[in-house]
Amino acid sequence: MAETQLNNPLHGKTLEHILTRLVELYGWERLGQVVRINCFLSNPSMNSSLKFLRKTPWARAKVEQLYIDTLYE
């Protein structure tokens, strides 16, 4: 099983780590423009965004893909 994770850039990264890093790089406003999710556009906070992303697979996938595209180009 560990071998299947060797090429996975998200392995060992929590959603909180991913979102924190993206907010550091983009800021909430720009992040909301790149990933059109209302929790980034309207009164954003780490807790509300994490709660939404954990319950919404399509939104989480977009955020994870942005993280990969941004940090592993």
C-alpha atoms as a PDB file:
ATOM      1  CA  MET A   1       0.000   0.000   0.000  1.00  0.00           C
ATOM      2  CA  ALA A   2       2.826   2.423   0.795  1.00  0.00           C
ATOM      3  CA  GLU A   3       4.208   1.939  -2.713  1.00  0.00           C
ATOM      4  CA  THR A   4       0.990   3.244  -4.254  1.00  0.00           C
ATOM      5  CA  GLN A   5       1.451   6.542  -2.392  1.00  0.00           C
ATOM      6  CA  LEU A   6       4.991   7.265  -3.609  1.00  0.00           C
ATOM      7  CA  ASN A   7       3.869   9.459  -6.499  1.00  0.00           C
ATOM      8  CA  ASN A   8       0.890  11.009  -4.716  1.00  0.00           C
ATOM      9  CA  PRO A   9       1.742  14.661  -3.924  1.00  0.00           C
ATOM     10  CA  LEU A  10      -1.161  14.832  -1.460  1.00  0.00           C
ATOM     11  CA  HIS A  11       0.053  11.920   0.641  1.00  0.00           C
ATOM     12  CA  GLY A  12       0.529  13.068   4.220  1.00  0.00           C
ATOM     13  CA  LYS A  13      -1.048  16.481   3.570  1.00  0.00           C
ATOM     14  CA  THR A  14      -4.160  17.369   5.525  1.00  0.00           C
ATOM     15  CA  LEU A  15      -6.924  19.426   3.996  1.00  0.00           C
ATOM     16  CA  GLU A  16      -6.139  22.128   6.549  1.00  0.00           C
ATOM     17  CA  HIS A  17      -2.495  22.203   5.434  1.00  0.00           C
ATOM     18  CA  ILE A  18      -3.516  22.416   1.774  1.00  0.00           C
ATOM     19  CA  LEU A  19      -5.999  25.224   2.362  1.00  0.00           C
ATOM     20  CA  THR A  20      -3.631  27.149   4.642  1.00  0.00           C
ATOM     21  CA  ARG A  21      -0.901  27.019   2.023  1.00  0.00           C
ATOM     22  CA  LEU A  22      -3.237  28.168  -0.756  1.00  0.00           C
ATOM     23  CA  VAL A  23      -4.518  31.060   1.358  1.00  0.00           C
ATOM     24  CA  GLU A  24      -0.905  32.069   2.080  1.00  0.00           C
ATOM     25  CA  LEU A  25      -0.111  32.026  -1.637  1.00  0.00           C
ATOM     26  CA  TYR A  26      -3.305  33.516  -3.070  1.00  0.00           C
ATOM     27  CA  GLY A  27      -5.253  35.146  -0.258  1.00  0.00           C
ATOM     28  CA  TRP A  28      -8.993  34.572   0.132  1.00  0.00           C
ATOM     29  CA  GLU A  29     -10.063  36.994  -2.595  1.00  0.00           C
ATOM     30  CA  ARG A  30      -7.814  35.568  -5.315  1.00  0.00           C
ATOM     31  CA  LEU A  31      -8.518  32.003  -4.189  1.00  0.00           C
ATOM     32  CA  GLY A  32     -12.229  32.707  -4.612  1.00  0.00           C
ATOM     33  CA  GLN A  33     -11.572  33.936  -8.146  1.00  0.00           C
ATOM     34  CA  VAL A  34      -9.515  30.894  -9.095  1.00  0.00           C
ATOM     35  CA  VAL A  35     -11.829  28.346  -7.448  1.00  0.00           C
ATOM     36  CA  ARG A  36     -15.366  29.726  -7.661  1.00  0.00           C
ATOM     37  CA  ILE A  37     -16.642  28.500  -4.307  1.00  0.00           C
ATOM     38  CA  ASN A  38     -18.886  30.767  -2.257  1.00  0.00           C
ATOM     39  CA  CYS A  39     -17.179  29.952   1.050  1.00  0.00           C
ATOM     40  CA  PHE A  40     -14.050  31.659  -0.347  1.00  0.00           C
ATOM     41  CA  LEU A  41     -15.971  34.678  -1.636  1.00  0.00           C
ATOM     42  CA  SER A  42     -18.467  35.513   1.099  1.00  0.00           C
ATOM     43  CA  ASN A  43     -17.041  36.124   4.583  1.00  0.00           C
ATOM     44  CA  PRO A  44     -14.323  33.445   4.284  1.00  0.00           C
ATOM     45  CA  SER A  45     -12.831  31.682   7.277  1.00  0.00           C
ATOM     46  CA  MET A  46     -10.676  28.631   7.691  1.00  0.00           C
ATOM     47  CA  ASN A  47     -13.249  26.753   9.779  1.00  0.00           C
ATOM     48  CA  SER A  48     -16.220  27.332   7.480  1.00  0.00           C
ATOM     49  CA  SER A  49     -14.171  26.529   4.389  1.00  0.00           C
ATOM     50  CA  LEU A  50     -12.832  23.296   5.874  1.00  0.00           C
ATOM     51  CA  LYS A  51     -16.316  22.249   6.946  1.00  0.00           C
ATOM     52  CA  PHE A  52     -17.678  22.874   3.442  1.00  0.00           C
ATOM     53  CA  LEU A  53     -14.780  21.159   1.666  1.00  0.00           C
ATOM     54  CA  ARG A  54     -15.029  18.072   3.870  1.00  0.00           C
ATOM     55  CA  LYS A  55     -18.707  17.663   2.954  1.00  0.00           C
ATOM     56  CA  THR A  56     -18.396  18.523  -0.750  1.00  0.00           C
ATOM     57  CA  PRO A  57     -16.202  16.152  -2.786  1.00  0.00           C
ATOM     58  CA  TRP A  58     -16.251  18.184  -6.045  1.00  0.00           C
ATOM     59  CA  ALA A  59     -15.086  21.328  -4.235  1.00  0.00           C
ATOM     60  CA  ARG A  60     -12.381  19.461  -2.351  1.00  0.00           C
ATOM     61  CA  ALA A  61     -11.149  17.959  -5.628  1.00  0.00           C
ATOM     62  CA  LYS A  62     -10.845  21.433  -7.168  1.00  0.00           C
ATOM     63  CA  VAL A  63      -8.875  22.739  -4.186  1.00  0.00           C
ATOM     64  CA  GLU A  64      -6.581  19.705  -4.147  1.00  0.00           C
ATOM     65  CA  GLN A  65      -5.964  20.031  -7.888  1.00  0.00           C
ATOM     66  CA  LEU A  66      -5.113  23.716  -7.507  1.00  0.00           C
ATOM     67  CA  TYR A  67      -2.649  22.790  -4.753  1.00  0.00           C
ATOM     68  CA  ILE A  68      -0.987  20.208  -6.999  1.00  0.00           C
ATOM     69  CA  ASP A  69      -0.920  22.560  -9.998  1.00  0.00           C
ATOM     70  CA  THR A  70       0.482  25.432  -7.921  1.00  0.00           C
ATOM     71  CA  LEU A  71       3.149  23.631  -5.941  1.00  0.00           C
ATOM     72  CA  TYR A  72       4.199  20.837  -8.301  1.00  0.00           C
ATOM     73  CA  GLU A  73       4.461  22.549 -11.683  1.00  0.00           C
END
